[in-house]
Every structure is written in C-alpha cells, then in structure tokens.
C-alpha cells in the first residue's frame, strides 16, 4: 500500500510500506526447490554408499562362513589336513593353498570359492561368471588358478598323487553340469569317499605328509612377501 505525505514546500512523495507478511527480497530465488534437490541427491548418495558397504560386508561374512564350513567338513573327515598355507610357486615366486587333505590314495589340493547365485564357466574358459540377483561379476577360472597350486604341492612330494578340487560354498547353482572336480561343499564328503587317484609309489604315507607339513609356510613374513608379490 502507499501512504501519501503532504508537505507545504515539497512535492508529494510515494513511500512504500512493507506489510508484516511481505516477502523480503534477498536476491536468492527458489531456495526451497534447490534445497529439496540437494537433499534427495544426498540421500541417494548415502543409499549407494550404504548399499556398497553392506554388500562388501556381506561378501566378507559369506566368505568367512564358507571357509569355516569347509574347515569343519575336512577336519571331520581326517586329522591330516592343512589350511591356508604358502608354498614356493611351481613357476617361481610364492603361491597360497587354501586346503590340502591327505586321503588313502593321495592328496587333494582344494580351492574354495565363496559365491551365491548362478555360476557359468567351462573347463577351458579363462574366466567364469557369477550372477547373483542384479549383480554380475567375472572371476578367474578356478581350475586354471588351482592348477599352479596343485603343481606346487606336487613338487613337494613328487611320488604322491595330487589332485585339484574346486569347492563352492554358499547357495550356488550351475545351469549346466560343472566341469570335473568342481563341486558344492554339501557334496564334499561323498566326493572324497568316491575319489580315485592314479597309481602311487608311496610306501610311507606318514613321512610323505610330514614332508608337506614341513614345507608349508604360515609365518607372517612369508605372508607379507606373498602380498607384495600379488600387489
């Protein structure tokens, strides 16, 4: 509204009067929508970060549960078992063996894979694929990966038959029959019971296993060397 002031010696001047509920001009417009957009963007970012962190934590938990499960299964089968040890690599450097189990006919060199969902892959394919819900990831063919570990173990005891076995833990499905010696952890006990090794020249199995135990490296310095090699 305008109030007209009257003066004897001055012209009429129009003076603006601000009402109590009038908007004060600041030069900043649309603060509400901008703040809303920033809030939504922040919430989405936090959601993505939380989902990524939660997914990573779940993979770690799944791996630990799977590792514990296979340890118990192997130890229930035999006392002659080694877990998570390092050997000189068959082609130089160092290599890590997940599990080694002495059986009546030879040694099983076991690599574990901790996945849920569906796994695709052939014996000769360099990479396999895991599809878990909307997540799809590629990983090195475990048969190829464990071949070097098996050779390293074989080098320690040349006269002992050594076989490579891949064990998947978690709720994993194979859309087609998996390659030979690729099994689920639930099938581990029956697989070991039926597994047939080739001919052996071993006369003293205790001495052979003692040789493996003596060669197995588990000290912290060797683990650091392996990590440096991987890096």
Protein backbone atom coordinates (compact mmCIF):
# COMPACT_ATOMS: atom_id res chain seq x y z
CA UNK A 1 0.00 0.00 0.00
CA UNK A 2 1.09 3.61 -0.47
CA UNK A 3 0.78 6.46 2.01
CA UNK A 4 0.75 9.92 0.53
CA UNK A 5 2.65 12.50 2.53
CA UNK A 6 1.70 16.13 2.16
CA UNK A 7 4.20 18.96 2.80
CA UNK A 8 3.85 22.68 2.12
CA UNK A 9 7.22 23.02 0.40
CA UNK A 10 7.76 19.54 -1.05
CA UNK A 11 6.03 17.58 -3.78
CA UNK A 12 4.07 14.54 -2.97
CA UNK A 13 6.34 11.51 -2.32
CA UNK A 14 5.21 7.92 -2.53
CA UNK A 15 6.82 5.86 0.25
CA UNK A 16 6.49 2.06 0.15
CA UNK A 17 5.37 0.48 3.36
CA UNK A 18 6.18 -3.18 3.99
CA UNK A 19 3.38 -5.26 5.33
CA UNK A 20 4.17 -7.66 8.14
CA UNK A 21 3.79 -10.66 5.86
CA UNK A 22 5.52 -9.14 2.82
CA UNK A 23 8.42 -11.05 1.21
CA UNK A 24 11.88 -9.57 1.78
CA UNK A 25 13.93 -9.50 -1.42
CA UNK A 26 17.34 -11.16 -0.93
CA UNK A 27 18.44 -11.87 -4.49
CA UNK A 28 18.14 -15.64 -3.85
CA UNK A 29 15.18 -17.26 -5.51
CA UNK A 30 13.81 -20.82 -5.48
CA UNK A 31 15.65 -21.78 -2.29
CA UNK A 32 13.01 -24.39 -1.46
CA UNK A 33 13.32 -26.49 -4.67
CA UNK A 34 17.13 -26.27 -4.64
CA UNK A 35 17.33 -27.46 -1.05
CA UNK A 36 14.95 -30.31 -1.90
CA UNK A 37 17.10 -31.39 -4.85
CA UNK A 38 20.27 -31.32 -2.72
CA UNK A 39 18.52 -33.34 -0.01
CA UNK A 40 17.39 -36.00 -2.48
CA UNK A 41 20.86 -36.18 -4.06
CA UNK A 42 22.46 -36.56 -0.64
CA UNK A 43 20.02 -39.28 0.32
CA UNK A 44 20.69 -41.18 -2.91
CA UNK A 45 24.45 -40.89 -2.38
CA UNK A 46 24.16 -42.17 1.18
CA UNK A 47 21.98 -45.04 -0.05
CA UNK A 48 24.53 -46.03 -2.69
CA UNK A 49 27.38 -45.83 -0.18
CA UNK A 50 25.41 -47.86 2.37
CA UNK A 51 24.48 -50.49 -0.22
CA UNK A 52 28.09 -50.79 -1.39
CA UNK A 53 29.36 -51.05 2.18
CA UNK A 54 26.66 -53.54 3.14
CA UNK A 55 27.34 -55.64 0.03
CA UNK A 56 31.09 -55.70 0.76
CA UNK A 57 30.47 -56.64 4.39
CA UNK A 58 28.08 -59.40 3.33
CA UNK A 59 30.66 -60.86 0.94
CA UNK A 60 33.24 -60.93 3.74
CA UNK A 61 30.77 -62.60 6.12
CA UNK A 62 29.76 -65.14 3.45
CA UNK A 63 33.40 -65.96 2.75
CA UNK A 64 34.16 -66.47 6.42
CA UNK A 65 31.11 -68.68 6.91
CA UNK A 66 32.06 -70.72 3.85
CA UNK A 67 35.67 -71.06 4.98
CA UNK A 68 34.58 -72.19 8.43
CA UNK A 69 32.13 -74.66 6.94
CA UNK A 70 34.68 -76.36 4.72
CA UNK A 71 37.27 -76.44 7.52
CA UNK A 72 34.84 -78.33 9.71
CA UNK A 73 33.90 -80.69 6.89
CA UNK A 74 37.53 -81.53 6.15
CA UNK A 75 38.53 -81.91 9.79
CA UNK A 76 35.56 -84.20 10.37
CA UNK A 77 36.86 -86.31 7.50
CA UNK A 78 40.52 -86.53 8.56
CA UNK A 79 43.03 -85.11 11.00
CA UNK A 80 45.60 -84.94 8.21
CA UNK A 81 44.53 -81.61 6.78
CA UNK A 82 46.25 -78.24 6.33
CA UNK A 83 44.57 -74.86 5.84
CA UNK A 84 45.70 -71.57 4.32
CA UNK A 85 49.42 -72.12 3.80
CA UNK A 86 52.06 -70.95 1.34
CA UNK A 87 54.46 -72.90 -0.86
CA UNK A 88 57.17 -71.96 -3.35
CA UNK A 89 55.35 -71.48 -6.65
CA UNK A 90 55.65 -74.07 -9.41
CA UNK A 91 56.66 -71.29 -11.80
CA UNK A 92 58.57 -69.10 -9.35
CA UNK A 93 57.50 -66.81 -6.54
CA UNK A 94 55.02 -67.97 -3.92
CA UNK A 95 51.54 -69.47 -4.05
CA UNK A 96 48.82 -69.94 -1.44
CA UNK A 97 46.99 -73.22 -0.98
CA UNK A 98 43.53 -72.99 0.58
CA UNK A 99 43.36 -76.59 1.88
CA UNK A 100 45.29 -79.83 1.47
CA UNK A 101 43.82 -83.15 2.60
CA UNK A 102 45.65 -86.47 2.85
CA UNK A 103 43.47 -89.42 1.82
CA UNK A 104 44.16 -93.11 1.42
CA UNK A 105 45.19 -92.68 -2.22
CA UNK A 106 46.78 -89.24 -2.42
CA UNK A 107 46.44 -85.57 -1.55
CA UNK A 108 43.57 -83.28 -2.55
CA UNK A 109 44.59 -79.68 -3.24
CA UNK A 110 41.37 -77.81 -2.56
CA UNK A 111 40.48 -74.28 -3.55
CA UNK A 112 37.32 -72.70 -2.18
CA UNK A 113 35.09 -70.16 -3.90
CA UNK A 114 32.50 -68.29 -1.86
CA UNK A 115 29.57 -67.24 -4.08
CA UNK A 116 25.80 -67.19 -4.13
CA UNK A 117 23.62 -67.31 -7.23
CA UNK A 118 24.42 -68.87 -10.59
CA UNK A 119 27.90 -69.75 -11.87
CA UNK A 120 28.70 -70.19 -15.57
CA UNK A 121 32.02 -71.49 -16.84
CA UNK A 122 33.74 -74.20 -18.82
CA UNK A 123 36.93 -76.06 -18.02
CA UNK A 124 38.91 -74.22 -20.70
CA UNK A 125 37.39 -70.75 -20.35
CA UNK A 126 39.83 -68.22 -18.86
CA UNK A 127 37.08 -66.54 -16.82
CA UNK A 128 33.84 -67.66 -15.25
CA UNK A 129 30.74 -65.60 -14.48
CA UNK A 130 28.67 -65.30 -11.32
CA UNK A 131 25.16 -63.82 -11.45
CA UNK A 132 23.63 -63.04 -8.06
CA UNK A 133 20.36 -61.13 -8.43
CA UNK A 134 21.21 -57.98 -10.37
CA UNK A 135 24.94 -58.32 -9.69
CA UNK A 136 27.09 -59.85 -12.39
CA UNK A 137 30.84 -60.37 -11.98
CA UNK A 138 33.65 -62.22 -13.70
CA UNK A 139 36.39 -64.19 -11.94
CA UNK A 140 39.40 -66.24 -12.95
CA UNK A 141 38.68 -69.84 -13.86
CA UNK A 142 39.41 -71.60 -10.53
CA UNK A 143 40.57 -74.76 -12.28
CA UNK A 144 43.31 -72.79 -14.02
CA UNK A 145 44.07 -70.89 -10.83
CA UNK A 146 44.38 -74.05 -8.74
CA UNK A 147 46.47 -75.86 -11.36
CA UNK A 148 49.54 -73.88 -10.32
CA UNK A 149 48.86 -74.56 -6.66
CA UNK A 150 48.46 -78.26 -7.34
CA UNK A 151 51.78 -78.34 -9.21
CA UNK A 152 53.49 -76.55 -6.34
CA UNK A 153 52.19 -79.19 -3.93
CA UNK A 154 53.20 -81.96 -6.32
CA UNK A 155 56.75 -80.57 -6.40
CA UNK A 156 56.99 -81.04 -2.63
CA UNK A 157 56.05 -84.75 -2.82
CA UNK A 158 56.74 -85.93 -6.40
CA UNK A 159 55.79 -89.56 -5.69
CA UNK A 160 52.40 -88.74 -4.16
CA UNK A 161 49.33 -88.39 -6.43
CA UNK A 162 47.92 -84.87 -6.04
CA UNK A 163 44.54 -83.83 -7.45
CA UNK A 164 42.90 -80.42 -7.81
CA UNK A 165 39.39 -79.89 -6.43
CA UNK A 166 37.26 -76.71 -6.50
CA UNK A 167 34.62 -76.41 -3.79
CA UNK A 168 31.90 -73.75 -3.97
CA UNK A 169 30.29 -72.66 -0.73
CA UNK A 170 27.16 -70.60 -0.43
CA UNK A 171 23.91 -71.11 -2.35
CA UNK A 172 25.36 -71.62 -5.79
CA UNK A 173 23.72 -73.21 -8.82
CA UNK A 174 25.23 -74.46 -12.08
CA UNK A 175 22.88 -74.12 -15.09
CA UNK A 176 24.85 -76.91 -16.80
CA UNK A 177 26.86 -79.75 -15.23
CA UNK A 178 30.07 -78.24 -13.78
CA UNK A 179 33.49 -79.38 -15.02
CA UNK A 180 35.15 -82.39 -13.44
CA UNK A 181 36.27 -81.91 -9.83
CA UNK A 182 34.10 -78.82 -9.33
CA UNK A 183 31.58 -79.43 -6.53
CA UNK A 184 29.46 -77.80 -3.84
CA UNK A 185 30.53 -78.04 -0.22
CA UNK A 186 27.49 -80.20 0.56
CA UNK A 187 28.90 -82.86 -1.80
CA UNK A 188 32.42 -82.77 -0.37
CA UNK A 189 32.25 -85.83 1.89
CA UNK A 190 30.76 -88.15 -0.72
CA UNK A 191 33.14 -86.80 -3.36
CA UNK A 192 36.17 -87.62 -1.21
CA UNK A 193 34.84 -91.07 -0.40
CA UNK A 194 34.47 -91.93 -4.09
CA UNK A 195 37.54 -90.15 -5.45
CA UNK A 196 40.05 -92.44 -7.16
CA UNK A 197 43.71 -91.44 -7.57
CA UNK A 198 46.19 -92.86 -10.01
CA UNK A 199 48.93 -95.36 -9.08
CA UNK A 200 51.26 -94.43 -6.26
CA UNK A 201 54.82 -95.32 -5.33
CA UNK A 202 54.43 -94.16 -1.75
CA UNK A 203 55.45 -96.66 0.91
CA UNK A 204 55.40 -94.35 3.93
CA UNK A 205 52.40 -92.02 3.88
CA UNK A 206 53.23 -90.55 7.26
CA UNK A 207 56.65 -89.47 6.03
CA UNK A 208 55.11 -88.01 2.87
CA UNK A 209 52.60 -85.96 4.83
CA UNK A 210 55.31 -84.82 7.24
CA UNK A 211 57.22 -83.52 4.21
CA UNK A 212 54.18 -81.46 3.17
CA UNK A 213 53.73 -80.08 6.68
CA UNK A 214 57.40 -79.13 6.85
CA UNK A 215 57.21 -77.31 3.51
CA UNK A 216 54.02 -75.41 4.38
CA UNK A 217 54.80 -71.79 5.29
CA UNK A 218 52.47 -69.84 7.56
CA UNK A 219 54.72 -67.20 9.13
CA UNK A 220 53.85 -63.52 8.89
CA UNK A 221 56.96 -62.58 6.93
CA UNK A 222 56.11 -65.04 4.15
CA UNK A 223 52.53 -63.78 4.03
CA UNK A 224 53.81 -60.23 3.58
CA UNK A 225 56.08 -61.42 0.77
CA UNK A 226 53.09 -63.05 -0.93
CA UNK A 227 51.03 -59.88 -0.60
CA UNK A 228 53.87 -57.86 -2.07
CA UNK A 229 54.09 -60.31 -4.96
CA UNK A 230 50.35 -60.00 -5.64
CA UNK A 231 50.45 -56.22 -5.43
